[in-house]
């Protein structure tokens, strides 16, 4: 697939999700990840999410987790959520910033050709740091669009960044922590309730 070929070769992609447009590089491309951080203006100490489109890649990402954490993540993904989970083998350390050992897994609820993308991707929103999240390609800063090697236009997206849910305490019987509400925080709580997992809002 053209996305796999381009990003696997070190390019940065401008890709849609089920919330906003994002920048992505192949997890196993050191040059691509370095270019993504530089283009975004993001310090390498800060983590990015790991973005997956292919169902098999999602299952591969969740397989090392304990059953309770894995079930919680499966209840939320695919969907407009980023699940912060342990990364016990360090498979996703390239996205972990200066605190490896955890990873934010993002699997959009998406139909169409992108579900055939086989790569694990390191991703972040396609905006300037602190800028508005882009719901359309024409809302992405021009300097970013000019620098990417590939764009995929999916038209208008919802425009609210994904929820971020910390599931790292779930294995020990703890709650899920909603670090960012996303488009529908009540849906997060509803998805986890059948598993007996409470959702708390830090701060």
N, C-alpha and C. Protein backbone atom coordinates (compact mmCIF):
# COMPACT_ATOMS: atom_id res chain seq x y z
N UNK A 1 0.84 -1.19 0.00
CA UNK A 1 0.00 0.00 0.00
C UNK A 1 0.88 1.24 0.00
N UNK A 2 0.41 2.30 -0.67
CA UNK A 2 1.24 3.49 -0.84
C UNK A 2 1.63 4.13 0.48
N UNK A 3 0.75 4.09 1.49
CA UNK A 3 1.10 4.67 2.79
C UNK A 3 2.25 3.89 3.42
N UNK A 4 2.17 2.56 3.38
CA UNK A 4 3.25 1.75 3.93
C UNK A 4 4.56 2.01 3.20
N UNK A 5 4.49 2.11 1.88
CA UNK A 5 5.71 2.32 1.11
C UNK A 5 6.35 3.68 1.44
N UNK A 6 5.52 4.72 1.47
CA UNK A 6 6.06 6.06 1.70
C UNK A 6 6.60 6.20 3.11
N UNK A 7 5.82 5.81 4.10
CA UNK A 7 6.26 6.00 5.48
C UNK A 7 7.35 5.01 5.85
N UNK A 8 7.28 3.81 5.29
CA UNK A 8 8.34 2.85 5.53
C UNK A 8 9.67 3.32 4.98
N UNK A 9 9.63 4.20 4.00
CA UNK A 9 10.84 4.77 3.43
C UNK A 9 11.32 6.03 4.14
N UNK A 10 10.66 6.40 5.22
CA UNK A 10 11.11 7.54 6.01
C UNK A 10 10.33 8.82 5.84
N UNK A 11 9.27 8.80 5.02
CA UNK A 11 8.45 10.00 4.83
C UNK A 11 7.52 10.22 6.02
N UNK A 12 7.01 11.45 6.12
CA UNK A 12 5.97 11.79 7.09
C UNK A 12 4.65 11.82 6.34
N UNK A 13 3.60 11.25 6.93
CA UNK A 13 2.28 11.28 6.34
C UNK A 13 1.35 12.19 7.10
N UNK A 14 0.44 12.82 6.36
CA UNK A 14 -0.64 13.62 6.93
C UNK A 14 -1.91 12.81 6.74
N UNK A 15 -2.40 12.22 7.83
CA UNK A 15 -3.43 11.19 7.73
C UNK A 15 -4.65 11.54 8.57
N UNK A 16 -5.83 11.12 8.13
CA UNK A 16 -7.04 11.32 8.93
C UNK A 16 -7.20 10.24 9.98
N UNK A 17 -7.89 10.59 11.05
CA UNK A 17 -8.35 9.61 12.03
C UNK A 17 -9.87 9.79 12.15
N UNK A 18 -10.44 9.24 13.20
CA UNK A 18 -11.87 9.44 13.42
C UNK A 18 -12.15 10.70 14.25
N UNK A 19 -11.11 11.51 14.47
CA UNK A 19 -11.30 12.75 15.23
C UNK A 19 -10.70 13.94 14.49
N UNK A 20 -9.37 13.94 14.29
CA UNK A 20 -8.66 15.05 13.65
C UNK A 20 -7.59 14.49 12.72
N UNK A 21 -6.97 15.39 11.95
CA UNK A 21 -5.85 14.99 11.11
C UNK A 21 -4.57 14.93 11.94
N UNK A 22 -3.72 13.96 11.59
CA UNK A 22 -2.50 13.78 12.34
C UNK A 22 -1.29 13.62 11.44
N UNK A 23 -0.13 13.80 12.04
CA UNK A 23 1.15 13.53 11.39
C UNK A 23 1.61 12.16 11.85
N UNK A 24 2.17 11.38 10.92
CA UNK A 24 2.58 10.03 11.27
C UNK A 24 3.88 9.66 10.56
N UNK A 25 4.68 8.86 11.26
CA UNK A 25 5.90 8.28 10.71
C UNK A 25 5.95 6.82 11.13
N UNK A 26 6.65 6.01 10.37
CA UNK A 26 6.76 4.59 10.70
C UNK A 26 7.53 4.41 12.01
N UNK A 27 7.01 3.55 12.88
CA UNK A 27 7.64 3.30 14.17
C UNK A 27 9.08 2.85 14.03
N UNK A 28 9.37 2.09 12.99
CA UNK A 28 10.70 1.54 12.83
C UNK A 28 11.59 2.37 11.92
N UNK A 29 11.19 3.61 11.62
CA UNK A 29 12.01 4.52 10.82
C UNK A 29 12.57 5.61 11.73
N UNK A 30 13.82 5.48 12.12
CA UNK A 30 14.42 6.50 12.99
C UNK A 30 14.43 7.86 12.31
N UNK A 31 14.73 7.87 11.01
CA UNK A 31 14.76 9.14 10.28
C UNK A 31 13.37 9.77 10.21
N UNK A 32 12.35 8.94 9.97
CA UNK A 32 11.00 9.45 9.89
C UNK A 32 10.53 10.04 11.21
N UNK A 33 10.83 9.36 12.32
CA UNK A 33 10.42 9.85 13.63
C UNK A 33 11.14 11.15 13.96
N UNK A 34 12.44 11.21 13.66
CA UNK A 34 13.19 12.45 13.91
C UNK A 34 12.60 13.60 13.11
N UNK A 35 12.24 13.33 11.86
CA UNK A 35 11.66 14.38 11.02
C UNK A 35 10.29 14.81 11.52
N UNK A 36 9.50 13.85 12.02
CA UNK A 36 8.18 14.18 12.56
C UNK A 36 8.31 15.10 13.77
N UNK A 37 9.19 14.77 14.71
CA UNK A 37 9.38 15.62 15.89
C UNK A 37 9.85 17.01 15.49
N UNK A 38 10.76 17.06 14.52
CA UNK A 38 11.28 18.37 14.10
C UNK A 38 10.19 19.20 13.44
N UNK A 39 9.40 18.57 12.59
CA UNK A 39 8.35 19.30 11.89
C UNK A 39 7.29 19.80 12.86
N UNK A 40 6.92 18.97 13.80
CA UNK A 40 5.92 19.36 14.80
C UNK A 40 6.45 20.43 15.75
N UNK A 41 7.78 20.46 15.93
CA UNK A 41 8.35 21.34 16.94
C UNK A 41 8.16 20.79 18.33
N UNK A 42 8.25 19.47 18.44
CA UNK A 42 7.97 18.77 19.69
C UNK A 42 9.28 18.24 20.27
N UNK A 43 9.58 18.50 21.53
CA UNK A 43 10.80 17.96 22.13
C UNK A 43 10.78 16.43 22.11
N UNK A 44 11.93 15.81 21.88
CA UNK A 44 11.98 14.35 21.86
C UNK A 44 11.68 13.76 23.23
N UNK A 45 11.73 14.57 24.28
CA UNK A 45 11.40 14.07 25.61
C UNK A 45 9.91 13.79 25.78
N UNK A 46 9.08 14.36 24.91
CA UNK A 46 7.64 14.18 25.01
C UNK A 46 7.20 12.97 24.20
N UNK A 47 6.31 12.14 24.74
CA UNK A 47 5.85 10.97 23.99
C UNK A 47 4.89 11.34 22.87
N UNK A 48 4.78 10.45 21.91
CA UNK A 48 3.73 10.49 20.90
C UNK A 48 2.88 9.23 21.06
N UNK A 49 1.78 9.18 20.35
CA UNK A 49 0.96 7.98 20.37
C UNK A 49 1.46 7.00 19.31
N UNK A 50 1.08 5.75 19.47
CA UNK A 50 1.28 4.75 18.43
C UNK A 50 -0.06 4.53 17.75
N UNK A 51 -0.09 4.83 16.47
CA UNK A 51 -1.32 4.81 15.68
C UNK A 51 -1.36 3.54 14.85
N UNK A 52 -2.48 2.82 14.91
CA UNK A 52 -2.67 1.61 14.10
C UNK A 52 -4.01 1.69 13.39
N UNK A 53 -3.99 1.27 12.13
CA UNK A 53 -5.23 1.21 11.35
C UNK A 53 -5.67 -0.24 11.12
N UNK A 54 -4.72 -1.15 11.00
CA UNK A 54 -5.03 -2.53 10.65
C UNK A 54 -5.46 -3.29 11.91
N UNK A 55 -6.58 -4.04 11.86
CA UNK A 55 -7.03 -4.77 13.05
C UNK A 55 -5.97 -5.72 13.62
N UNK A 56 -5.18 -6.32 12.76
CA UNK A 56 -4.16 -7.25 13.24
C UNK A 56 -3.07 -6.53 14.02
N UNK A 57 -2.77 -5.30 13.62
CA UNK A 57 -1.75 -4.54 14.35
C UNK A 57 -2.27 -4.14 15.73
N UNK A 58 -3.58 -3.84 15.82
CA UNK A 58 -4.15 -3.53 17.13
C UNK A 58 -4.03 -4.73 18.06
N UNK A 59 -4.38 -5.91 17.56
CA UNK A 59 -4.28 -7.10 18.39
C UNK A 59 -2.84 -7.38 18.79
N UNK A 60 -1.90 -7.13 17.88
CA UNK A 60 -0.49 -7.31 18.20
C UNK A 60 -0.04 -6.35 19.30
N UNK A 61 -0.53 -5.12 19.25
CA UNK A 61 -0.16 -4.13 20.26
C UNK A 61 -0.71 -4.50 21.63
N UNK A 62 -1.90 -5.08 21.66
CA UNK A 62 -2.54 -5.39 22.94
C UNK A 62 -2.15 -6.75 23.50
N UNK A 63 -1.59 -7.62 22.67
CA UNK A 63 -1.31 -9.00 23.09
C UNK A 63 -0.44 -9.11 24.33
N UNK A 64 0.60 -8.26 24.53
CA UNK A 64 1.45 -8.43 25.72
C UNK A 64 0.81 -8.01 27.03
N UNK A 65 -0.36 -7.40 26.99
CA UNK A 65 -0.97 -6.86 28.20
C UNK A 65 -1.64 -7.94 29.02
N UNK A 66 -1.80 -7.68 30.31
CA UNK A 66 -2.56 -8.59 31.16
C UNK A 66 -4.02 -8.59 30.70
N UNK A 67 -4.77 -9.64 31.00
CA UNK A 67 -6.12 -9.77 30.46
C UNK A 67 -7.05 -8.60 30.80
N UNK A 68 -6.98 -8.09 32.02
CA UNK A 68 -7.91 -7.02 32.41
C UNK A 68 -7.60 -5.73 31.64
N UNK A 69 -6.34 -5.39 31.52
CA UNK A 69 -5.99 -4.18 30.76
C UNK A 69 -6.31 -4.36 29.29
N UNK A 70 -6.05 -5.54 28.77
CA UNK A 70 -6.35 -5.82 27.36
C UNK A 70 -7.84 -5.71 27.09
N UNK A 71 -8.67 -6.26 27.99
CA UNK A 71 -10.12 -6.16 27.80
C UNK A 71 -10.58 -4.70 27.85
N UNK A 72 -9.98 -3.92 28.74
CA UNK A 72 -10.35 -2.50 28.83
C UNK A 72 -10.01 -1.77 27.54
N UNK A 73 -8.82 -2.02 27.02
CA UNK A 73 -8.43 -1.37 25.77
C UNK A 73 -9.32 -1.81 24.61
N UNK A 74 -9.66 -3.08 24.57
CA UNK A 74 -10.54 -3.58 23.50
C UNK A 74 -11.93 -2.98 23.59
N UNK A 75 -12.36 -2.62 24.80
CA UNK A 75 -13.67 -1.99 24.95
C UNK A 75 -13.69 -0.58 24.36
N UNK A 76 -12.53 0.02 24.22
CA UNK A 76 -12.44 1.41 23.76
C UNK A 76 -11.91 1.53 22.33
N UNK A 77 -11.23 0.52 21.87
CA UNK A 77 -10.58 0.56 20.56
C UNK A 77 -11.09 -0.57 19.67
N UNK A 78 -11.27 -0.31 18.38
CA UNK A 78 -11.12 0.99 17.70
C UNK A 78 -12.16 2.00 18.18
N UNK A 79 -11.76 3.25 18.16
CA UNK A 79 -12.65 4.32 18.58
C UNK A 79 -11.86 5.57 18.86
N UNK A 80 -12.55 6.66 19.22
CA UNK A 80 -11.88 7.96 19.40
C UNK A 80 -11.19 8.08 20.76
N UNK A 81 -10.27 7.16 21.02
CA UNK A 81 -9.59 7.09 22.31
C UNK A 81 -8.12 6.75 22.10
N UNK A 82 -7.30 7.26 23.00
CA UNK A 82 -5.90 6.86 23.11
C UNK A 82 -5.75 6.20 24.46
N UNK A 83 -5.37 4.93 24.46
CA UNK A 83 -5.27 4.16 25.69
C UNK A 83 -3.82 4.08 26.12
N UNK A 84 -3.53 4.63 27.29
CA UNK A 84 -2.18 4.60 27.85
C UNK A 84 -2.03 3.30 28.62
N UNK A 85 -1.14 2.43 28.12
CA UNK A 85 -0.99 1.08 28.67
C UNK A 85 0.50 0.77 28.85
N UNK A 86 0.83 -0.26 29.62
CA UNK A 86 2.23 -0.65 29.75
C UNK A 86 2.80 -1.14 28.42
N UNK A 87 4.09 -0.96 28.27
CA UNK A 87 4.83 -1.48 27.12
C UNK A 87 5.96 -2.34 27.67
N UNK A 88 5.63 -3.52 28.17
CA UNK A 88 6.60 -4.30 28.96
C UNK A 88 7.84 -4.71 28.19
N UNK A 89 7.70 -4.94 26.89
CA UNK A 89 8.85 -5.37 26.10
C UNK A 89 9.60 -4.21 25.45
N UNK A 90 9.09 -2.98 25.61
CA UNK A 90 9.72 -1.84 24.98
C UNK A 90 9.56 -1.79 23.47
N UNK A 91 8.56 -2.49 22.95
CA UNK A 91 8.35 -2.51 21.49
C UNK A 91 8.10 -1.12 20.96
N UNK A 92 7.47 -0.26 21.75
CA UNK A 92 7.08 1.06 21.26
C UNK A 92 7.89 2.17 21.91
N UNK A 93 9.10 1.85 22.35
CA UNK A 93 9.93 2.83 23.04
C UNK A 93 10.22 4.05 22.20
N UNK A 94 10.25 3.90 20.88
CA UNK A 94 10.54 5.04 20.00
C UNK A 94 9.50 6.14 20.13
N UNK A 95 8.31 5.80 20.63
CA UNK A 95 7.25 6.80 20.82
C UNK A 95 7.14 7.25 22.27
N UNK A 96 8.00 6.73 23.14
CA UNK A 96 7.82 6.93 24.57
C UNK A 96 8.46 8.16 25.16
N UNK A 97 9.16 8.96 24.36
CA UNK A 97 9.82 10.12 24.91
C UNK A 97 10.88 9.70 25.92
N UNK A 98 11.01 10.50 26.99
CA UNK A 98 12.03 10.18 27.99
C UNK A 98 11.50 9.31 29.11
N UNK A 99 10.31 8.74 28.92
CA UNK A 99 9.72 7.85 29.93
C UNK A 99 9.22 6.57 29.27
N UNK A 100 10.13 5.77 28.68
CA UNK A 100 9.67 4.52 28.06
C UNK A 100 9.10 3.58 29.11
N UNK A 101 8.38 2.59 28.63
CA UNK A 101 7.72 1.65 29.53
C UNK A 101 6.21 1.74 29.44
N UNK A 102 5.72 2.78 28.78
CA UNK A 102 4.29 2.94 28.54
C UNK A 102 4.10 3.39 27.10
N UNK A 103 2.90 3.18 26.58
CA UNK A 103 2.59 3.62 25.23
C UNK A 103 1.12 4.03 25.15
N UNK A 104 0.85 5.08 24.40
CA UNK A 104 -0.51 5.48 24.10
C UNK A 104 -0.93 4.87 22.79
N UNK A 105 -1.81 3.88 22.84
CA UNK A 105 -2.26 3.18 21.63
C UNK A 105 -3.51 3.85 21.09
N UNK A 106 -3.47 4.17 19.82
CA UNK A 106 -4.57 4.86 19.14
C UNK A 106 -4.98 4.04 17.92
N UNK A 107 -6.22 3.62 17.87
CA UNK A 107 -6.76 2.84 16.75
C UNK A 107 -8.08 3.47 16.34
N UNK A 108 -8.09 4.31 15.33
CA UNK A 108 -9.33 4.98 14.93
C UNK A 108 -10.38 3.99 14.44
N UNK A 109 -11.63 4.33 14.67
CA UNK A 109 -12.74 3.59 14.06
C UNK A 109 -12.89 4.16 12.65
N UNK A 110 -12.37 3.42 11.69
CA UNK A 110 -12.20 3.98 10.36
C UNK A 110 -12.48 2.90 9.34
N UNK A 111 -13.14 3.27 8.26
CA UNK A 111 -13.38 2.35 7.15
C UNK A 111 -12.65 2.84 5.92
N UNK A 112 -12.41 1.93 4.99
CA UNK A 112 -11.77 2.32 3.75
C UNK A 112 -10.34 1.82 3.65
N UNK A 113 -9.60 2.32 2.66
CA UNK A 113 -8.27 1.78 2.37
C UNK A 113 -7.27 1.88 3.52
N UNK A 114 -7.40 2.88 4.40
CA UNK A 114 -6.42 3.02 5.46
C UNK A 114 -6.40 1.82 6.41
N UNK A 115 -7.48 1.08 6.48
CA UNK A 115 -7.49 -0.10 7.35
C UNK A 115 -6.52 -1.17 6.84
N UNK A 116 -6.00 -0.99 5.63
CA UNK A 116 -5.01 -1.90 5.11
C UNK A 116 -3.58 -1.50 5.43
N UNK A 117 -3.38 -0.37 6.10
CA UNK A 117 -2.03 0.06 6.46
C UNK A 117 -1.47 -0.91 7.49
N UNK A 118 -0.34 -1.53 7.17
CA UNK A 118 0.23 -2.58 8.00
C UNK A 118 1.18 -2.06 9.07
N UNK A 119 1.72 -0.87 8.89
CA UNK A 119 2.76 -0.37 9.77
C UNK A 119 2.20 0.09 11.12
N UNK A 120 3.02 -0.05 12.16
CA UNK A 120 2.82 0.72 13.37
C UNK A 120 3.35 2.13 13.09
N UNK A 121 2.59 3.13 13.50
CA UNK A 121 2.96 4.52 13.23
C UNK A 121 3.13 5.30 14.52
N UNK A 122 4.10 6.18 14.54
CA UNK A 122 4.24 7.16 15.61
C UNK A 122 3.52 8.42 15.14
N UNK A 123 2.61 8.95 15.96
CA UNK A 123 1.72 10.00 15.46
C UNK A 123 1.47 11.07 16.49
N UNK A 124 1.12 12.24 15.98
CA UNK A 124 0.72 13.39 16.78
C UNK A 124 -0.20 14.25 15.93
N UNK A 125 -0.93 15.15 16.52
CA UNK A 125 -1.86 15.98 15.75
C UNK A 125 -1.11 16.89 14.79
N UNK A 126 -1.74 17.19 13.67
CA UNK A 126 -1.11 17.95 12.59
C UNK A 126 -1.32 19.45 12.77
N UNK A 127 -0.79 19.95 13.88
CA UNK A 127 -0.95 21.38 14.17
C UNK A 127 0.35 21.90 14.77
N UNK A 128 0.45 23.20 14.90
CA UNK A 128 1.54 23.77 15.65
C UNK A 128 1.32 23.48 17.13
N UNK A 129 2.38 23.39 17.94
CA UNK A 129 2.19 23.14 19.36
C UNK A 129 1.24 24.16 19.99
N UNK A 130 0.18 23.65 20.62
CA UNK A 130 -0.80 24.52 21.24
C UNK A 130 -1.84 25.07 20.29
N UNK A 131 -1.71 24.76 19.00
CA UNK A 131 -2.65 25.28 18.02
C UNK A 131 -3.92 24.45 17.95
N UNK A 132 -4.93 24.93 17.21
CA UNK A 132 -6.19 24.20 17.10
C UNK A 132 -6.01 22.88 16.36
N UNK A 133 -6.79 21.88 16.76
CA UNK A 133 -6.74 20.59 16.10
C UNK A 133 -7.43 20.69 14.74
N UNK A 134 -6.80 20.20 13.67
CA UNK A 134 -7.37 20.38 12.33
C UNK A 134 -8.43 19.34 12.00
N UNK A 135 -9.60 19.82 11.64
CA UNK A 135 -10.68 18.96 11.18
C UNK A 135 -10.72 18.83 9.66
N UNK A 136 -9.98 19.67 8.97
CA UNK A 136 -9.88 19.62 7.50
C UNK A 136 -8.41 19.85 7.12
N UNK A 137 -8.06 19.37 5.94
CA UNK A 137 -6.68 19.56 5.50
C UNK A 137 -6.32 21.04 5.40
N UNK A 138 -7.28 21.87 4.99
CA UNK A 138 -6.94 23.28 4.83
C UNK A 138 -6.77 24.00 6.17
N UNK A 139 -7.00 23.30 7.28
CA UNK A 139 -6.73 23.86 8.60
C UNK A 139 -5.34 23.46 9.13
N UNK A 140 -4.66 22.62 8.39
CA UNK A 140 -3.29 22.24 8.75
C UNK A 140 -2.35 23.36 8.32
N UNK A 141 -1.44 23.81 9.18
CA UNK A 141 -0.53 24.89 8.79
C UNK A 141 0.21 24.56 7.49
N UNK A 142 0.34 25.58 6.65
CA UNK A 142 0.95 25.38 5.34
C UNK A 142 2.36 24.83 5.44
N UNK A 143 3.13 25.27 6.44
CA UNK A 143 4.51 24.78 6.55
C UNK A 143 4.54 23.27 6.78
N UNK A 144 3.52 22.75 7.47
CA UNK A 144 3.43 21.31 7.70
C UNK A 144 3.04 20.60 6.42
N UNK A 145 2.04 21.10 5.72
CA UNK A 145 1.61 20.45 4.49
C UNK A 145 2.72 20.43 3.46
N UNK A 146 3.51 21.48 3.42
CA UNK A 146 4.58 21.54 2.43
C UNK A 146 5.70 20.55 2.73
N UNK A 147 5.79 20.09 3.98
CA UNK A 147 6.92 19.24 4.38
C UNK A 147 6.60 17.75 4.37
N UNK A 148 5.33 17.37 4.31
CA UNK A 148 5.01 15.94 4.37
C UNK A 148 5.20 15.30 3.00
N UNK A 149 5.39 13.99 3.02
CA UNK A 149 5.56 13.27 1.77
C UNK A 149 4.28 12.68 1.24
N UNK A 150 3.22 12.70 2.04
CA UNK A 150 1.97 12.05 1.66
C UNK A 150 0.82 12.69 2.41
N UNK A 151 -0.27 12.97 1.70
CA UNK A 151 -1.51 13.44 2.31
C UNK A 151 -2.64 12.49 1.94
N UNK A 152 -3.52 12.22 2.90
CA UNK A 152 -4.75 11.49 2.62
C UNK A 152 -5.91 12.38 3.07
N UNK A 153 -6.75 12.75 2.14
CA UNK A 153 -7.87 13.66 2.42
C UNK A 153 -9.14 12.85 2.63
N UNK A 154 -9.68 12.91 3.84
CA UNK A 154 -10.94 12.25 4.16
C UNK A 154 -12.06 13.25 4.38
N UNK A 155 -11.87 14.48 3.91
CA UNK A 155 -12.90 15.48 4.07
C UNK A 155 -12.96 16.02 5.49
N UNK A 156 -14.14 16.46 5.89
CA UNK A 156 -14.32 17.03 7.22
C UNK A 156 -14.35 15.94 8.28
N UNK A 157 -13.58 16.13 9.34
CA UNK A 157 -13.55 15.22 10.47
C UNK A 157 -14.23 15.89 11.67
N UNK A 158 -14.56 15.14 12.72
CA UNK A 158 -15.27 15.74 13.85
C UNK A 158 -14.57 16.93 14.49
N UNK A 159 -13.24 16.89 14.62
CA UNK A 159 -12.50 18.06 15.07
C UNK A 159 -12.17 18.14 16.54
N UNK A 160 -12.58 17.15 17.34
CA UNK A 160 -12.21 17.11 18.75
C UNK A 160 -11.22 15.98 18.96
N UNK A 161 -10.06 16.28 19.54
CA UNK A 161 -9.02 15.27 19.73
C UNK A 161 -9.53 14.11 20.58
N UNK A 162 -8.91 12.96 20.40
CA UNK A 162 -9.35 11.75 21.10
C UNK A 162 -9.28 11.89 22.61
N UNK A 163 -10.09 11.10 23.28
CA UNK A 163 -9.94 10.93 24.72
C UNK A 163 -8.59 10.27 25.00
N UNK A 164 -8.00 10.60 26.13
CA UNK A 164 -6.79 9.91 26.59
C UNK A 164 -7.14 9.25 27.92
N UNK A 165 -7.03 7.91 27.95
CA UNK A 165 -7.42 7.14 29.13
C UNK A 165 -6.22 6.35 29.63
N UNK A 166 -5.81 6.60 30.85
CA UNK A 166 -4.69 5.89 31.46
C UNK A 166 -5.22 4.60 32.09
N UNK A 167 -4.81 3.46 31.50
CA UNK A 167 -5.26 2.16 31.97
C UNK A 167 -4.18 1.43 32.77
N UNK A 168 -3.13 2.11 33.17
CA UNK A 168 -1.99 1.42 33.79
C UNK A 168 -2.26 0.93 35.20
N UNK A 169 -3.34 1.39 35.84
CA UNK A 169 -3.67 0.90 37.18
C UNK A 169 -4.72 -0.20 37.16
N UNK A 170 -5.26 -0.47 35.99
CA UNK A 170 -6.39 -1.39 35.88
C UNK A 170 -6.01 -2.81 36.29
N UNK A 171 -4.81 -3.26 35.94
CA UNK A 171 -4.42 -4.64 36.24
C UNK A 171 -4.46 -4.94 37.72
N UNK A 172 -4.17 -3.94 38.53
CA UNK A 172 -4.15 -4.12 39.99
C UNK A 172 -5.50 -3.80 40.62
N UNK A 173 -6.54 -3.65 39.81
CA UNK A 173 -7.86 -3.36 40.32
C UNK A 173 -8.17 -1.89 40.46
N UNK A 174 -7.29 -1.04 39.96
CA UNK A 174 -7.49 0.39 40.06
C UNK A 174 -8.40 0.92 38.96
N UNK A 175 -8.64 2.23 38.98
CA UNK A 175 -9.54 2.84 38.00
C UNK A 175 -8.82 3.17 36.70
N UNK A 176 -9.60 3.52 35.71
CA UNK A 176 -9.09 4.17 34.51
C UNK A 176 -9.12 5.67 34.77
N UNK A 177 -8.07 6.35 34.35
CA UNK A 177 -7.98 7.80 34.59
C UNK A 177 -8.16 8.53 33.26
N UNK A 178 -9.16 9.37 33.20
CA UNK A 178 -9.46 10.11 31.98
C UNK A 178 -8.63 11.39 31.98
N UNK A 179 -7.54 11.36 31.23
CA UNK A 179 -6.61 12.49 31.21
C UNK A 179 -7.05 13.58 30.26
N UNK A 180 -7.79 13.21 29.22
CA UNK A 180 -8.37 14.18 28.28
C UNK A 180 -9.74 13.66 27.89
N UNK A 181 -10.78 14.50 27.93
CA UNK A 181 -12.14 13.98 27.80
C UNK A 181 -12.51 13.47 26.43
N UNK A 182 -11.91 14.04 25.37
CA UNK A 182 -12.28 13.62 24.03
C UNK A 182 -13.68 14.04 23.65
N UNK A 183 -14.20 13.48 22.58
CA UNK A 183 -15.51 13.92 22.09
C UNK A 183 -16.69 13.45 22.93
N UNK A 184 -16.53 12.36 23.71
CA UNK A 184 -17.68 11.81 24.43
C UNK A 184 -17.20 11.07 25.69
N UNK A 185 -16.91 11.80 26.76
CA UNK A 185 -16.40 11.13 27.97
C UNK A 185 -17.40 10.15 28.58
N UNK A 186 -18.68 10.40 28.40
CA UNK A 186 -19.67 9.46 28.94
C UNK A 186 -19.59 8.11 28.24
N UNK A 187 -19.24 8.12 26.95
CA UNK A 187 -19.10 6.86 26.22
C UNK A 187 -17.92 6.05 26.75
N UNK A 188 -16.87 6.74 27.21
CA UNK A 188 -15.73 6.03 27.80
C UNK A 188 -16.18 5.29 29.06
N UNK A 189 -16.88 5.98 29.93
CA UNK A 189 -17.36 5.35 31.16
C UNK A 189 -18.32 4.20 30.86
N UNK A 190 -19.18 4.39 29.86
CA UNK A 190 -20.15 3.34 29.51
C UNK A 190 -19.45 2.10 28.96
N UNK A 191 -18.37 2.31 28.21
CA UNK A 191 -17.66 1.17 27.63
C UNK A 191 -16.94 0.34 28.69
N UNK A 192 -16.46 1.00 29.74
CA UNK A 192 -15.70 0.30 30.77
C UNK A 192 -16.56 -0.23 31.91
N UNK A 193 -17.76 0.30 32.06
CA UNK A 193 -18.63 -0.11 33.18
C UNK A 193 -18.91 -1.61 33.21
N UNK A 194 -19.18 -2.26 32.05
CA UNK A 194 -19.45 -3.71 32.12
C UNK A 194 -18.27 -4.53 32.63
N UNK A 195 -17.07 -3.96 32.58
CA UNK A 195 -15.88 -4.65 33.09
C UNK A 195 -15.64 -4.35 34.56
N UNK A 196 -16.49 -3.52 35.16
CA UNK A 196 -16.31 -3.16 36.55
C UNK A 196 -15.17 -2.19 36.77
N UNK A 197 -14.84 -1.41 35.75
CA UNK A 197 -13.74 -0.46 35.83
C UNK A 197 -14.31 0.95 35.95
N UNK A 198 -14.01 1.62 37.04
CA UNK A 198 -14.47 2.99 37.23
C UNK A 198 -13.56 3.94 36.46
N UNK A 199 -14.13 5.06 36.04
CA UNK A 199 -13.38 6.10 35.34
C UNK A 199 -13.32 7.32 36.25
N UNK A 200 -12.13 7.79 36.53
CA UNK A 200 -11.96 8.97 37.38
C UNK A 200 -11.34 10.08 36.54
N UNK A 201 -11.59 11.30 36.98
CA UNK A 201 -11.11 12.48 36.28
C UNK A 201 -10.08 13.17 37.18
N UNK A 202 -8.80 12.96 36.94
CA UNK A 202 -7.78 13.57 37.80
C UNK A 202 -7.91 15.09 37.83
N UNK A 203 -7.62 15.64 38.97
CA UNK A 203 -7.64 17.08 39.14
C UNK A 203 -9.02 17.66 39.23
